[in-house]
């Protein structure tokens, strides 16, 4: 166990612990009691709790906590491939690598003066990675917990190659819900989506809101930067804000597929929903020296207070 100085607020220190595999994890806490835990395996957020101690992210009871396999739950980072349509392993290799704490990099300029507990991580390709994906990059990831308990992730990918490269990306966010049949998503109405259950055929969303009664695996393209996930039974709403990520991927495996996944319980599809800020329809291309930034912010509010959230212009 140890401590690192917080790069955003020098008055704050981060607790660093090790899991049973010896992999470091960083614990972030807000003064009001919200909590987040980040593993250096994958740069993955494993837990996000509000100030009442309620877990807001889903983790499977059958999740495998052992590198190099990514854990089923939390927020895996999908890079340089989101999905399995390319030549790499599904969702790329970033979620299966050991990241480092980036102590020497100056902090980002903050848009506000609020105190945030933050950690900066960095990933660079190994020699093995370069054999499969021959592009030199620096991937910097800042994970922050605000005073109000909002969780934000800021990814910056820089091309330090001598030639351009392209990638797709996703924050594969497993939200914890009370009952999938009581959940709806607002903000994706009338959008086109690519249906991964129909060879990525393009359809147009017809519903007033997205609800769930069977397996869903869709990429909503050109989506707004703010959407809401309403959980009627728990009377709470997740507000998802994003920048630099044009798409939203919605996934629930439902009953049949759940039974085929060794690291997922047969009935657990009822308690989870993946809503992923992503760039999947069109790859991101970086020229030598260029840098891309993709931001995600997750907030949890009582459903009765949600009106107006989707109209807020400010992101992170």
Protein backbone atom coordinates (compact mmCIF):
# COMPACT_ATOMS: atom_id res chain seq x y z
CA UNK A 1 0.00 0.00 0.00
CA UNK A 2 1.28 3.46 -0.82
CA UNK A 3 0.36 6.98 -1.80
CA UNK A 4 0.86 9.13 -4.86
CA UNK A 5 0.39 12.86 -4.99
CA UNK A 6 -2.69 13.86 -6.96
CA UNK A 7 -1.60 15.78 -10.06
CA UNK A 8 -4.80 17.83 -10.22
CA UNK A 9 -4.93 18.96 -6.61
CA UNK A 10 -1.60 18.79 -4.74
CA UNK A 11 -3.46 18.72 -1.42
CA UNK A 12 -4.93 15.31 -2.21
CA UNK A 13 -3.23 11.94 -2.06
CA UNK A 14 -4.31 8.74 -3.77
CA UNK A 15 -4.34 5.40 -2.07
CA UNK A 16 -2.60 2.67 -4.05
CA UNK A 17 -3.27 -0.96 -3.11
CA UNK A 18 -2.48 -4.31 -4.71
CA UNK A 19 -4.97 -6.99 -5.66
CA UNK A 20 -4.35 -10.69 -5.02
CA UNK A 21 -2.47 -10.95 -8.33
CA UNK A 22 -0.08 -8.20 -7.21
CA UNK A 23 -1.52 -5.67 -9.68
CA UNK A 24 -1.74 -2.11 -8.39
CA UNK A 25 -5.13 -0.44 -7.99
CA UNK A 26 -5.77 3.24 -7.32
CA UNK A 27 -8.56 4.31 -4.98
CA UNK A 28 -10.18 7.74 -5.53
CA UNK A 29 -12.48 9.27 -2.88
CA UNK A 30 -14.50 12.46 -2.85
CA UNK A 31 -14.97 14.42 0.40
CA UNK A 32 -18.67 13.56 0.36
CA UNK A 33 -18.05 9.81 0.26
CA UNK A 34 -18.18 8.83 -3.43
CA UNK A 35 -15.57 6.27 -4.39
CA UNK A 36 -13.88 4.83 -7.47
CA UNK A 37 -11.32 2.06 -7.84
CA UNK A 38 -9.08 1.75 -10.90
CA UNK A 39 -6.89 -1.21 -11.83
CA UNK A 40 -3.61 -0.70 -13.65
CA UNK A 41 -4.57 -3.91 -15.45
CA UNK A 42 -6.28 -2.33 -18.46
CA UNK A 43 -6.56 1.12 -16.89
CA UNK A 44 -10.00 -0.21 -16.00
CA UNK A 45 -12.44 1.40 -13.58
CA UNK A 46 -13.61 -1.55 -11.46
CA UNK A 47 -15.96 0.24 -9.08
CA UNK A 48 -17.85 3.54 -8.86
CA UNK A 49 -20.00 4.19 -5.81
CA UNK A 50 -22.12 7.20 -4.89
CA UNK A 51 -21.96 8.96 -1.52
CA UNK A 52 -24.53 6.49 -0.16
CA UNK A 53 -22.21 3.58 -0.89
CA UNK A 54 -24.32 2.21 -3.76
CA UNK A 55 -22.36 0.51 -6.55
CA UNK A 56 -23.20 2.09 -9.90
CA UNK A 57 -21.19 -0.20 -12.20
CA UNK A 58 -21.96 -3.85 -12.88
CA UNK A 59 -19.38 -6.59 -12.35
CA UNK A 60 -20.24 -10.20 -13.07
CA UNK A 61 -20.15 -12.62 -10.15
CA UNK A 62 -18.22 -14.92 -12.50
CA UNK A 63 -15.71 -12.28 -13.63
CA UNK A 64 -12.14 -13.55 -14.00
CA UNK A 65 -9.70 -11.30 -12.14
CA UNK A 66 -6.46 -12.47 -13.66
CA UNK A 67 -4.26 -10.89 -16.33
CA UNK A 68 -4.12 -11.03 -19.26
CA UNK A 69 -7.92 -11.47 -19.49
CA UNK A 70 -10.00 -8.31 -19.08
CA UNK A 71 -12.50 -8.38 -16.23
CA UNK A 72 -16.19 -8.65 -17.15
CA UNK A 73 -17.61 -5.40 -15.80
CA UNK A 74 -16.64 -1.87 -14.82
CA UNK A 75 -15.31 0.25 -17.71
CA UNK A 76 -12.81 -1.59 -19.95
CA UNK A 77 -10.90 0.63 -22.41
CA UNK A 78 -11.33 -0.67 -25.98
CA UNK A 79 -8.34 0.38 -28.12
CA UNK A 80 -7.09 0.26 -30.87
CA UNK A 81 -10.10 -1.78 -31.92
CA UNK A 82 -13.69 -1.73 -30.68
CA UNK A 83 -15.55 -4.93 -31.50
CA UNK A 84 -14.06 -7.85 -33.41
CA UNK A 85 -14.21 -6.61 -37.00
CA UNK A 86 -10.45 -6.05 -37.36
CA UNK A 87 -7.33 -8.17 -37.19
CA UNK A 88 -6.69 -7.80 -33.45
CA UNK A 89 -8.25 -9.58 -30.48
CA UNK A 90 -11.81 -8.45 -29.68
CA UNK A 91 -11.86 -4.88 -28.33
CA UNK A 92 -8.10 -4.51 -28.86
CA UNK A 93 -5.24 -5.00 -26.44
CA UNK A 94 -5.31 -1.91 -24.18
CA UNK A 95 -7.76 -3.55 -21.74
CA UNK A 96 -5.40 -6.52 -21.34
CA UNK A 97 -2.17 -4.62 -20.65
CA UNK A 98 -0.60 -3.31 -17.46
CA UNK A 99 -0.64 0.49 -17.48
CA UNK A 100 1.69 2.76 -15.51
CA UNK A 101 0.95 5.74 -13.28
CA UNK A 102 2.03 8.80 -15.27
CA UNK A 103 3.68 10.87 -12.56
CA UNK A 104 5.83 13.04 -14.79
CA UNK A 105 3.17 14.48 -17.09
CA UNK A 106 1.75 17.94 -16.36
CA UNK A 107 -1.96 18.03 -15.51
CA UNK A 108 -4.60 19.01 -18.02
CA UNK A 109 -6.07 22.48 -17.84
CA UNK A 110 -9.25 22.21 -15.80
CA UNK A 111 -12.41 23.94 -17.02
CA UNK A 112 -13.55 24.60 -13.46
CA UNK A 113 -12.07 25.24 -10.08
CA UNK A 114 -13.69 22.33 -8.27
CA UNK A 115 -11.46 19.90 -6.48
CA UNK A 116 -11.21 16.51 -8.17
CA UNK A 117 -9.48 13.34 -7.06
CA UNK A 118 -7.62 12.24 -10.19
CA UNK A 119 -5.05 9.77 -11.39
CA UNK A 120 -3.07 9.89 -14.64
CA UNK A 121 -2.15 6.62 -16.35
CA UNK A 122 -0.09 5.93 -19.46
CA UNK A 123 0.22 3.04 -21.91
CA UNK A 124 2.88 2.60 -24.56
CA UNK A 125 3.12 -0.37 -26.95
CA UNK A 126 5.30 -3.32 -26.05
CA UNK A 127 7.49 -5.10 -28.59
CA UNK A 128 4.82 -7.80 -28.85
CA UNK A 129 2.11 -5.20 -29.45
CA UNK A 130 4.14 -3.72 -32.30
CA UNK A 131 4.29 -7.12 -34.00
CA UNK A 132 0.49 -7.25 -34.21
CA UNK A 133 -0.22 -3.52 -34.55
CA UNK A 134 2.97 -1.81 -35.82
CA UNK A 135 2.24 1.75 -34.69
CA UNK A 136 4.02 3.72 -31.96
CA UNK A 137 1.61 5.63 -29.71
CA UNK A 138 1.30 7.18 -26.28
CA UNK A 139 -2.08 6.70 -24.61
CA UNK A 140 -2.68 8.93 -21.60
CA UNK A 141 -5.76 8.36 -19.46
CA UNK A 142 -7.00 10.66 -16.71
CA UNK A 143 -9.67 9.27 -14.38
CA UNK A 144 -11.31 11.76 -12.02
CA UNK A 145 -13.95 11.79 -9.31
CA UNK A 146 -15.59 15.17 -8.72
CA UNK A 147 -16.76 16.67 -5.45
CA UNK A 148 -20.30 15.61 -6.40
CA UNK A 149 -19.21 12.07 -7.22
CA UNK A 150 -19.28 12.37 -11.02
CA UNK A 151 -16.83 10.03 -12.74
CA UNK A 152 -14.88 11.29 -15.76
CA UNK A 153 -12.38 9.64 -18.09
CA UNK A 154 -10.25 11.63 -20.53
CA UNK A 155 -8.23 9.65 -23.09
CA UNK A 156 -5.49 11.19 -25.21
CA UNK A 157 -3.84 9.15 -27.94
CA UNK A 158 -0.75 10.62 -29.63
CA UNK A 159 0.85 9.33 -32.81
CA UNK A 160 4.60 9.12 -32.23
CA UNK A 161 4.93 7.08 -35.43
CA UNK A 162 6.55 8.18 -38.66
CA UNK A 163 3.35 7.45 -40.57
CA UNK A 164 -0.41 7.85 -40.04
CA UNK A 165 -2.46 5.19 -38.25
CA UNK A 166 -6.16 4.59 -37.64
CA UNK A 167 -8.05 3.08 -34.72
CA UNK A 168 -11.50 2.62 -33.26
CA UNK A 169 -12.29 3.20 -29.59
CA UNK A 170 -14.87 2.63 -26.87
CA UNK A 171 -15.45 3.15 -23.16
CA UNK A 172 -17.21 -0.20 -22.60
CA UNK A 173 -19.34 0.97 -19.67
CA UNK A 174 -21.24 -1.68 -17.68
CA UNK A 175 -24.01 0.13 -15.79
CA UNK A 176 -25.70 -1.54 -12.83
CA UNK A 177 -29.50 -1.54 -13.19
CA UNK A 178 -32.30 -2.96 -11.07
CA UNK A 179 -34.18 -4.77 -13.88
CA UNK A 180 -33.36 -4.41 -17.59
CA UNK A 181 -37.07 -4.56 -18.46
CA UNK A 182 -37.61 -1.38 -16.38
CA UNK A 183 -34.83 0.65 -18.05
CA UNK A 184 -35.03 3.06 -20.94
CA UNK A 185 -32.54 5.23 -22.81
CA UNK A 186 -33.45 8.74 -23.93
CA UNK A 187 -31.51 10.83 -26.43
CA UNK A 188 -31.05 8.31 -29.25
CA UNK A 189 -34.52 8.67 -30.82
CA UNK A 190 -34.68 8.90 -34.66
CA UNK A 191 -30.96 8.06 -35.02
CA UNK A 192 -29.52 5.56 -37.45
CA UNK A 193 -27.84 2.53 -35.90
CA UNK A 194 -25.69 -0.35 -37.12
CA UNK A 195 -27.13 -3.63 -35.87
CA UNK A 196 -24.34 -6.04 -34.93
CA UNK A 197 -26.92 -8.84 -34.77
CA UNK A 198 -27.62 -8.31 -38.50
CA UNK A 199 -24.11 -7.96 -39.99
CA UNK A 200 -24.03 -4.25 -39.08
CA UNK A 201 -27.00 -3.48 -41.30
CA UNK A 202 -28.18 0.13 -40.92
CA UNK A 203 -31.61 0.85 -39.43
CA UNK A 204 -33.35 3.95 -38.06
CA UNK A 205 -34.54 3.99 -34.44
CA UNK A 206 -38.34 4.19 -34.39
CA UNK A 207 -39.10 4.27 -30.67
CA UNK A 208 -39.67 7.32 -28.47
CA UNK A 209 -37.08 5.76 -26.16
CA UNK A 210 -35.03 2.57 -26.23
CA UNK A 211 -36.41 -0.23 -24.06
CA UNK A 212 -35.36 -3.87 -23.73
CA UNK A 213 -37.11 -7.16 -24.27
CA UNK A 214 -34.45 -9.18 -26.17
CA UNK A 215 -30.76 -9.17 -27.05
CA UNK A 216 -29.48 -5.78 -28.26
CA UNK A 217 -26.09 -4.95 -29.84
CA UNK A 218 -26.29 -1.65 -31.73
CA UNK A 219 -24.02 1.25 -32.61
CA UNK A 220 -26.01 4.49 -32.76
CA UNK A 221 -24.04 6.76 -35.08
CA UNK A 222 -23.72 10.52 -34.97
CA UNK A 223 -25.28 10.56 -31.51
CA UNK A 224 -25.77 13.63 -29.31
CA UNK A 225 -23.15 14.37 -26.67
CA UNK A 226 -25.61 13.91 -23.77
CA UNK A 227 -27.97 10.96 -23.25
CA UNK A 228 -29.80 9.55 -20.24
CA UNK A 229 -30.38 6.02 -18.94
CA UNK A 230 -33.46 5.92 -16.70
CA UNK A 231 -33.87 3.14 -14.13
CA UNK A 232 -37.51 3.30 -13.05
CA UNK A 233 -37.29 0.82 -10.20
CA UNK A 234 -34.36 2.59 -8.51
CA UNK A 235 -35.72 6.01 -9.47
CA UNK A 236 -32.31 7.09 -10.67
CA UNK A 237 -30.88 8.27 -13.95
CA UNK A 238 -27.40 7.95 -15.39
CA UNK A 239 -26.49 11.02 -17.43
CA UNK A 240 -23.77 10.25 -19.98
CA UNK A 241 -21.79 13.12 -21.50
CA UNK A 242 -19.13 12.66 -24.13
CA UNK A 243 -16.75 14.57 -26.41
CA UNK A 244 -14.73 13.38 -29.39
CA UNK A 245 -16.76 10.15 -29.58
CA UNK A 246 -19.52 10.30 -32.20
CA UNK A 247 -21.22 6.97 -31.49
CA UNK A 248 -23.07 5.22 -28.66
CA UNK A 249 -23.00 1.41 -28.51
CA UNK A 250 -25.85 -0.26 -26.58
CA UNK A 251 -25.47 -3.90 -25.54
CA UNK A 252 -27.33 -6.44 -23.48
CA UNK A 253 -26.70 -10.15 -24.18
CA UNK A 254 -30.10 -11.36 -22.89
CA UNK A 255 -30.73 -14.93 -21.80
CA UNK A 256 -29.44 -17.12 -24.63
CA UNK A 257 -26.06 -15.44 -25.12
CA UNK A 258 -25.53 -15.08 -21.35
CA UNK A 259 -25.43 -18.86 -21.06
CA UNK A 260 -22.58 -19.05 -23.59
CA UNK A 261 -20.21 -16.71 -21.68
CA UNK A 262 -18.05 -18.44 -19.07
CA UNK A 263 -17.40 -15.20 -17.16
CA UNK A 264 -21.04 -14.11 -16.99
CA UNK A 265 -23.94 -15.47 -14.91
CA UNK A 266 -26.92 -16.96 -16.72
CA UNK A 267 -29.38 -14.45 -15.22
CA UNK A 268 -27.08 -11.44 -14.83
CA UNK A 269 -28.27 -9.79 -18.05
CA UNK A 270 -31.22 -8.54 -15.96
CA UNK A 271 -28.94 -6.38 -13.79
CA UNK A 272 -26.67 -4.76 -16.40
CA UNK A 273 -26.65 -2.58 -19.47
CA UNK A 274 -23.66 -1.47 -21.52
CA UNK A 275 -23.92 2.06 -22.92
CA UNK A 276 -20.58 2.87 -24.51
CA UNK A 277 -19.29 6.22 -25.76
CA UNK A 278 -17.39 5.12 -28.86
CA UNK A 279 -15.87 5.83 -32.25
CA UNK A 280 -16.78 2.73 -34.22
CA UNK A 281 -18.50 3.63 -37.51
CA UNK A 282 -15.52 5.60 -38.88
CA UNK A 283 -11.97 5.05 -37.63
CA UNK A 284 -9.99 7.91 -36.12
CA UNK A 285 -6.85 8.68 -38.14
CA UNK A 286 -3.85 10.47 -36.68
CA UNK A 287 -0.97 11.89 -38.68
CA UNK A 288 2.54 11.82 -37.16
CA UNK A 289 2.59 14.03 -34.08
CA UNK A 290 -1.20 14.46 -33.92
CA UNK A 291 -3.21 13.79 -30.77
CA UNK A 292 -6.86 12.77 -30.32
CA UNK A 293 -8.90 13.36 -27.17
CA UNK A 294 -12.04 11.46 -26.16
CA UNK A 295 -13.95 12.34 -22.99
CA UNK A 296 -16.63 10.61 -20.95
CA UNK A 297 -18.46 11.87 -17.87
CA UNK A 298 -20.94 9.80 -15.90
CA UNK A 299 -23.37 11.37 -13.42
CA UNK A 300 -26.07 9.76 -11.30
CA UNK A 301 -29.12 11.83 -10.38
CA UNK A 302 -32.60 11.09 -9.00
CA UNK A 303 -34.93 10.53 -11.94
CA UNK A 304 -37.22 13.32 -10.74
CA UNK A 305 -34.30 15.75 -11.19
CA UNK A 306 -33.37 14.64 -14.68
CA UNK A 307 -35.43 17.13 -16.67
CA UNK A 308 -33.14 19.59 -18.40
CA UNK A 309 -29.99 17.46 -18.14
CA UNK A 310 -30.10 16.56 -21.80
CA UNK A 311 -30.06 20.23 -22.77
CA UNK A 312 -26.97 21.15 -20.81
CA UNK A 313 -24.22 22.41 -23.12
CA UNK A 314 -21.31 21.89 -20.76
CA UNK A 315 -19.35 18.66 -21.07
CA UNK A 316 -16.72 17.76 -18.46
